[in-house]
C-alpha atoms as a PDB file:
ATOM      1  CA  MET A   1      39.207  26.376  -4.465  1.00  0.00           C
ATOM      2  CA  SER A   2      35.647  25.305  -5.174  1.00  0.00           C
ATOM      3  CA  ASP A   3      32.618  27.522  -5.090  1.00  0.00           C
ATOM      4  CA  ALA A   4      30.082  26.193  -2.557  1.00  0.00           C
ATOM      5  CA  ASN A   5      27.301  27.710  -4.656  1.00  0.00           C
ATOM      6  CA  ASP A   6      28.363  25.953  -7.868  1.00  0.00           C
ATOM      7  CA  PRO A   7      25.224  24.108  -9.121  1.00  0.00           C
ATOM      8  CA  ARG A   8      27.434  21.391 -10.633  1.00  0.00           C
ATOM      9  CA  GLU A   9      28.829  20.450  -7.242  1.00  0.00           C
ATOM     10  CA  GLY A  10      27.693  16.908  -6.352  1.00  0.00           C
ATOM     11  CA  VAL A  11      26.046  16.298  -9.732  1.00  0.00           C
ATOM     12  CA  GLN A  12      26.381  12.809 -11.109  1.00  0.00           C
ATOM     13  CA  SER A  13      28.208  13.069 -14.425  1.00  0.00           C
ATOM     14  CA  GLY A  14      27.847   9.462 -15.607  1.00  0.00           C
ATOM     15  CA  PRO A  15      25.616   6.449 -15.250  1.00  0.00           C
ATOM     16  CA  SER A  16      25.773   5.103 -11.719  1.00  0.00           C
ATOM     17  CA  MET A  17      26.413   1.565 -12.943  1.00  0.00           C
ATOM     18  CA  SER A  18      29.605   2.646 -14.716  1.00  0.00           C
ATOM     19  CA  GLN A  19      30.852   4.304 -11.546  1.00  0.00           C
ATOM     20  CA  ASN A  20      30.577   1.050  -9.561  1.00  0.00           C
ATOM     21  CA  PRO A  21      30.940  -1.759 -12.069  1.00  0.00           C
ATOM     22  CA  ALA A  22      29.599  -5.109 -10.908  1.00  0.00           C
ATOM     23  CA  ASP A  23      31.563  -8.269 -11.469  1.00  0.00           C
ATOM     24  CA  ALA A  24      29.964 -11.173 -13.352  1.00  0.00           C
ATOM     25  CA  ALA A  25      28.817 -12.929 -10.164  1.00  0.00           C
ATOM     26  CA  GLN A  26      27.068  -9.786  -8.945  1.00  0.00           C
ATOM     27  CA  LYS A  27      25.396  -9.353 -12.331  1.00  0.00           C
ATOM     28  CA  ILE A  28      24.187 -12.958 -12.263  1.00  0.00           C
ATOM     29  CA  ASP A  29      22.869 -12.464  -8.718  1.00  0.00           C
ATOM     30  CA  GLY A  30      20.952  -9.404  -9.935  1.00  0.00           C
ATOM     31  CA  ILE A  31      19.555 -11.289 -12.903  1.00  0.00           C
ATOM     32  CA  ILE A  32      18.387 -14.096 -10.602  1.00  0.00           C
ATOM     33  CA  VAL A  33      16.529 -11.537  -8.473  1.00  0.00           C
ATOM     34  CA  GLN A  34      14.973  -9.993 -11.601  1.00  0.00           C
ATOM     35  CA  CYS A  35      13.890 -13.423 -12.829  1.00  0.00           C
ATOM     36  CA  GLN A  36      12.383 -14.277  -9.444  1.00  0.00           C
ATOM     37  CA  ALA A  37      10.313 -11.101  -9.640  1.00  0.00           C
ATOM     38  CA  ASP A  38       9.320 -11.827 -13.251  1.00  0.00           C
ATOM     39  CA  LEU A  39       8.247 -15.356 -12.366  1.00  0.00           C
ATOM     40  CA  ALA A  40       6.158 -14.460  -9.321  1.00  0.00           C
ATOM     41  CA  GLY A  41       2.663 -15.811  -9.913  1.00  0.00           C
ATOM     42  CA  GLN A  42       3.525 -17.234 -13.357  1.00  0.00           C
ATOM     43  CA  GLU A  43       3.590 -20.973 -12.876  1.00  0.00           C
ATOM     44  CA  ASP A  44       3.548 -21.752 -16.609  1.00  0.00           C
ATOM     45  CA  ALA A  45       6.522 -19.525 -17.487  1.00  0.00           C
ATOM     46  CA  ASP A  46       9.557 -20.961 -19.273  1.00  0.00           C
ATOM     47  CA  VAL A  47      12.210 -20.312 -16.631  1.00  0.00           C
ATOM     48  CA  ARG A  48      15.155 -21.281 -18.847  1.00  0.00           C
ATOM     49  CA  LEU A  49      13.996 -19.023 -21.676  1.00  0.00           C
ATOM     50  CA  LEU A  50      13.496 -16.091 -19.316  1.00  0.00           C
ATOM     51  CA  LEU A  51      16.936 -16.581 -17.760  1.00  0.00           C
ATOM     52  CA  GLU A  52      18.599 -16.939 -21.168  1.00  0.00           C
ATOM     53  CA  ARG A  53      16.992 -13.688 -22.369  1.00  0.00           C
ATOM     54  CA  ARG A  54      18.039 -11.801 -19.240  1.00  0.00           C
ATOM     55  CA  LEU A  55      21.591 -13.089 -19.583  1.00  0.00           C
ATOM     56  CA  GLN A  56      21.707 -12.202 -23.268  1.00  0.00           C
ATOM     57  CA  ASP A  57      20.429  -8.686 -22.539  1.00  0.00           C
ATOM     58  CA  ALA A  58      23.249  -8.302 -20.010  1.00  0.00           C
ATOM     59  CA  GLY A  59      25.836  -9.670 -22.430  1.00  0.00           C
ATOM     60  CA  LEU A  60      26.599 -12.658 -20.219  1.00  0.00           C
ATOM     61  CA  THR A  61      27.042 -16.302 -21.096  1.00  0.00           C
ATOM     62  CA  LEU A  62      27.068 -19.190 -18.659  1.00  0.00           C
ATOM     63  CA  SER A  63      28.620 -22.613 -18.896  1.00  0.00           C
ATOM     64  CA  ASP A  64      26.239 -25.577 -18.733  1.00  0.00           C
ATOM     65  CA  GLU A  65      27.203 -26.063 -15.091  1.00  0.00           C
ATOM     66  CA  GLU A  66      26.591 -22.389 -14.244  1.00  0.00           C
ATOM     67  CA  MET A  67      23.240 -22.448 -16.065  1.00  0.00           C
ATOM     68  CA  THR A  68      22.179 -25.534 -14.115  1.00  0.00           C
ATOM     69  CA  ALA A  69      23.116 -23.801 -10.853  1.00  0.00           C
ATOM     70  CA  ALA A  70      21.273 -20.609 -11.836  1.00  0.00           C
ATOM     71  CA  LEU A  71      18.164 -22.569 -12.787  1.00  0.00           C
ATOM     72  CA  ALA A  72      18.331 -24.422  -9.475  1.00  0.00           C
ATOM     73  CA  ARG A  73      18.373 -21.062  -7.677  1.00  0.00           C
ATOM     74  CA  LEU A  74      15.178 -20.235  -9.547  1.00  0.00           C
ATOM     75  CA  GLY A  75      13.597 -23.531  -8.530  1.00  0.00           C
ATOM     76  CA  ALA A  76      13.581 -24.934 -12.048  1.00  0.00           C
END
């Protein structure tokens, strides 16, 4: 039986990302959105470098074909 007045009831005990892990495609989609936001208004930015850094930070690697597709999504 649980106590309705227990202050721990409904408290998140771990990081939300670990509770709903994203697959690699979802992570890449999120990184694309982040890059789009980063690149807004920065016409001289190095899109490939930005994408590579975001992917590295996330611990992801892409094949040459996947990188080409991701860059195309970013308009590069």
